Amino acid sequence: MMSVPDPFQLIEQTRIAAWVREDDFAFPVLDAVHVGAIMLVLGSIVIMDLRLVGVTARSQRVTRSSREVLPWTWSAFALAVISGLLLMSGQAGAYAANAQFRLKMALLLGAGINMLLFQCFAWRRVGEWDQTWPPPLPVRLAGGLSIALWIGVAIAGRWVGWTVSAAPY
């Protein structure tokens, strides 16, 4: 009977994974890029969410804040995903088995679902509340939940760094 290969072992056997594991500079440089990208993601999201919560930028339309901030968010998020996947590749199995990594991924999924629900419901009616102060309660709740989830992602991510050895080889 033929066994199905472990996808995490397959990832760890790639040239990229070997480079991340074996090169003296690959992991630290990728880690610095990942942390920097996450800082930009978290910072830009908090700027936007504080506007949604009704704490900052009272005189600025939400749509204007969105146009100014979200390109930075998405660019930094793409960099964080790419650098995170590269970091994980060197020890994919260890990351997949790590409870803190799974928590980070669950919080990231929660943040994504929160954003999707916000886009599907509240943002469709942004014209009605774009300049309203304070924003409607569902908008403020979505912003507050987003801040909490992204702070959780950051905390869990740092926790991963303390529980998965960077260079066990």
Protein backbone atom coordinates (compact mmCIF):
# COMPACT_ATOMS: atom_id res chain seq x y z
CA MET A 1 0.00 0.00 0.00
CA MET A 2 1.36 3.37 -1.02
CA SER A 3 1.45 6.06 1.66
CA VAL A 4 0.55 9.66 1.02
CA PRO A 5 3.56 11.95 1.50
CA ASP A 6 3.40 14.49 4.31
CA PRO A 7 2.94 17.91 2.65
CA PHE A 8 5.10 19.56 5.30
CA GLN A 9 7.96 17.15 4.62
CA LEU A 10 7.63 17.92 0.92
CA ILE A 11 7.92 21.64 1.66
CA GLU A 12 10.97 21.07 3.87
CA GLN A 13 12.66 19.17 1.02
CA THR A 14 12.57 22.11 -1.40
CA ARG A 15 15.66 24.13 -2.31
CA ILE A 16 14.12 27.25 -0.80
CA ALA A 17 13.56 25.47 2.52
CA ALA A 18 17.15 24.23 2.52
CA TRP A 19 18.35 27.79 1.82
CA VAL A 20 16.29 29.14 4.75
CA ARG A 21 17.68 26.43 7.05
CA GLU A 22 21.29 26.44 5.93
CA ASP A 23 22.23 29.97 4.88
CA ASP A 24 23.63 32.05 7.74
CA PHE A 25 21.70 35.15 6.70
CA ALA A 26 18.49 33.82 5.16
CA PHE A 27 16.48 33.27 8.33
CA PRO A 28 17.49 36.46 10.18
CA VAL A 29 16.96 38.65 7.11
CA LEU A 30 13.60 37.03 6.32
CA ASP A 31 12.59 37.36 9.97
CA ALA A 32 13.46 41.07 9.98
CA VAL A 33 11.49 41.61 6.77
CA HIS A 34 8.54 39.67 8.21
CA VAL A 35 8.51 41.60 11.49
CA GLY A 36 8.85 44.92 9.65
CA ALA A 37 6.02 44.04 7.29
CA ILE A 38 3.80 42.98 10.19
CA MET A 39 4.54 46.28 11.92
CA LEU A 40 3.37 48.14 8.81
CA VAL A 41 0.28 45.95 8.52
CA LEU A 42 -0.61 46.38 12.17
CA GLY A 43 0.12 50.12 12.17
CA SER A 44 -1.88 50.86 9.04
CA ILE A 45 -4.79 48.69 10.16
CA VAL A 46 -4.88 50.37 13.56
CA ILE A 47 -4.90 53.80 11.88
CA MET A 48 -7.93 52.78 9.81
CA ASP A 49 -9.67 50.95 12.64
CA LEU A 50 -9.28 53.84 15.06
CA ARG A 51 -11.15 55.95 12.50
CA LEU A 52 -13.84 53.27 12.26
CA VAL A 53 -14.11 53.05 16.05
CA GLY A 54 -14.59 56.81 16.15
CA VAL A 55 -11.45 57.77 18.03
CA THR A 56 -9.34 59.61 15.43
CA ALA A 57 -9.55 61.66 12.23
CA ARG A 58 -13.03 62.94 13.00
CA SER A 59 -12.93 65.52 10.23
CA GLN A 60 -11.73 63.10 7.56
CA ARG A 61 -14.05 60.90 5.52
CA VAL A 62 -13.60 57.18 6.10
CA THR A 63 -13.32 56.69 2.35
CA ARG A 64 -10.39 59.13 2.20
CA SER A 65 -8.62 57.40 5.10
CA SER A 66 -9.16 54.11 3.31
CA ARG A 67 -7.69 55.37 0.02
CA GLU A 68 -4.62 56.72 1.81
CA VAL A 69 -3.91 53.84 4.17
CA LEU A 70 -5.05 50.59 2.56
CA PRO A 71 -2.48 50.50 -0.27
CA TRP A 72 0.21 50.43 2.44
CA THR A 73 -1.69 47.73 4.30
CA TRP A 74 -2.05 45.43 1.30
CA SER A 75 1.56 45.92 0.16
CA ALA A 76 2.90 45.17 3.62
CA PHE A 77 0.52 42.22 3.99
CA ALA A 78 1.78 40.68 0.73
CA LEU A 79 5.38 41.08 1.94
CA ALA A 80 4.46 39.55 5.31
CA VAL A 81 2.82 36.54 3.65
CA ILE A 82 5.75 35.92 1.31
CA SER A 83 8.38 36.29 4.02
CA GLY A 84 6.28 34.22 6.46
CA LEU A 85 5.90 31.37 3.98
CA LEU A 86 9.63 31.41 3.33
CA LEU A 87 10.38 31.39 7.06
CA MET A 88 7.98 28.51 7.62
CA SER A 89 9.38 26.44 4.74
CA GLY A 90 12.59 25.56 6.57
CA GLN A 91 10.69 23.85 9.38
CA ALA A 92 7.19 23.46 8.00
CA GLY A 93 6.37 20.44 10.16
CA ALA A 94 7.52 22.13 13.37
CA TYR A 95 5.44 25.22 12.60
CA ALA A 96 2.37 23.19 11.65
CA ALA A 97 2.57 21.30 14.94
CA ASN A 98 3.16 24.43 17.04
CA ALA A 99 0.12 25.52 19.08
CA GLN A 100 1.14 29.19 19.03
CA PHE A 101 1.53 29.14 15.24
CA ARG A 102 -1.91 27.58 14.90
CA LEU A 103 -3.29 30.27 17.23
CA LYS A 104 -1.68 32.96 15.04
CA MET A 105 -3.26 31.43 11.94
CA ALA A 106 -6.67 31.18 13.66
CA LEU A 107 -6.49 34.86 14.70
CA LEU A 108 -5.42 35.79 11.17
CA LEU A 109 -8.39 33.87 9.80
CA GLY A 110 -10.66 35.66 12.28
CA ALA A 111 -9.28 39.03 11.15
CA GLY A 112 -9.93 38.05 7.54
CA ILE A 113 -13.50 36.97 8.28
CA ASN A 114 -14.12 40.19 10.22
CA MET A 115 -12.83 42.21 7.24
CA LEU A 116 -14.95 40.19 4.80
CA LEU A 117 -18.11 40.70 6.86
CA PHE A 118 -17.33 44.40 7.21
CA GLN A 119 -16.85 44.72 3.44
CA CYS A 120 -20.02 42.75 2.66
CA PHE A 121 -22.28 44.62 5.04
CA ALA A 122 -21.04 47.89 6.55
CA TRP A 123 -18.81 49.13 3.73
CA ARG A 124 -21.58 48.76 1.15
CA ARG A 125 -23.40 51.54 2.98
CA VAL A 126 -20.33 53.73 3.63
CA GLY A 127 -21.96 56.60 1.75
CA GLU A 128 -24.54 56.82 4.53
CA TRP A 129 -22.00 57.06 7.36
CA ASP A 130 -18.79 58.27 5.68
CA GLN A 131 -18.82 61.55 7.63
CA THR A 132 -21.05 60.52 10.53
CA TRP A 133 -19.68 61.02 14.03
CA PRO A 134 -19.55 58.64 15.69
CA PRO A 135 -19.78 55.89 13.07
CA PRO A 136 -22.64 53.39 13.47
CA LEU A 137 -22.26 50.77 16.19
CA PRO A 138 -21.62 47.82 13.81
CA VAL A 139 -18.79 49.80 12.20
CA ARG A 140 -17.25 50.62 15.57
CA LEU A 141 -17.55 46.99 16.69
CA ALA A 142 -15.87 45.74 13.51
CA GLY A 143 -13.03 48.24 13.98
CA GLY A 144 -12.55 47.29 17.62
CA LEU A 145 -12.60 43.58 16.85
CA SER A 146 -10.10 44.12 14.06
CA ILE A 147 -7.68 45.90 16.40
CA ALA A 148 -8.00 43.11 18.98
CA LEU A 149 -7.50 40.34 16.42
CA TRP A 150 -4.45 41.97 14.81
CA ILE A 151 -2.82 42.63 18.17
CA GLY A 152 -3.46 38.95 18.92
CA VAL A 153 -1.80 37.99 15.61
CA ALA A 154 1.27 40.03 16.57
CA ILE A 155 1.46 38.57 20.08
CA ALA A 156 1.00 35.01 18.86
CA GLY A 157 3.59 35.61 16.15
CA ARG A 158 6.20 36.71 18.67
CA TRP A 159 5.24 33.74 20.84
CA VAL A 160 5.94 31.45 17.88
CA GLY A 161 9.44 32.90 17.75
CA TRP A 162 10.05 31.71 21.30
CA THR A 163 8.63 28.22 20.81
CA VAL A 164 9.97 27.14 17.40
CA SER A 165 13.74 27.06 17.25
CA ALA A 166 15.05 29.25 14.43
CA ALA A 167 17.96 26.96 13.58
CA PRO A 168 17.74 23.46 15.05
CA TYR A 169 20.04 21.96 12.43
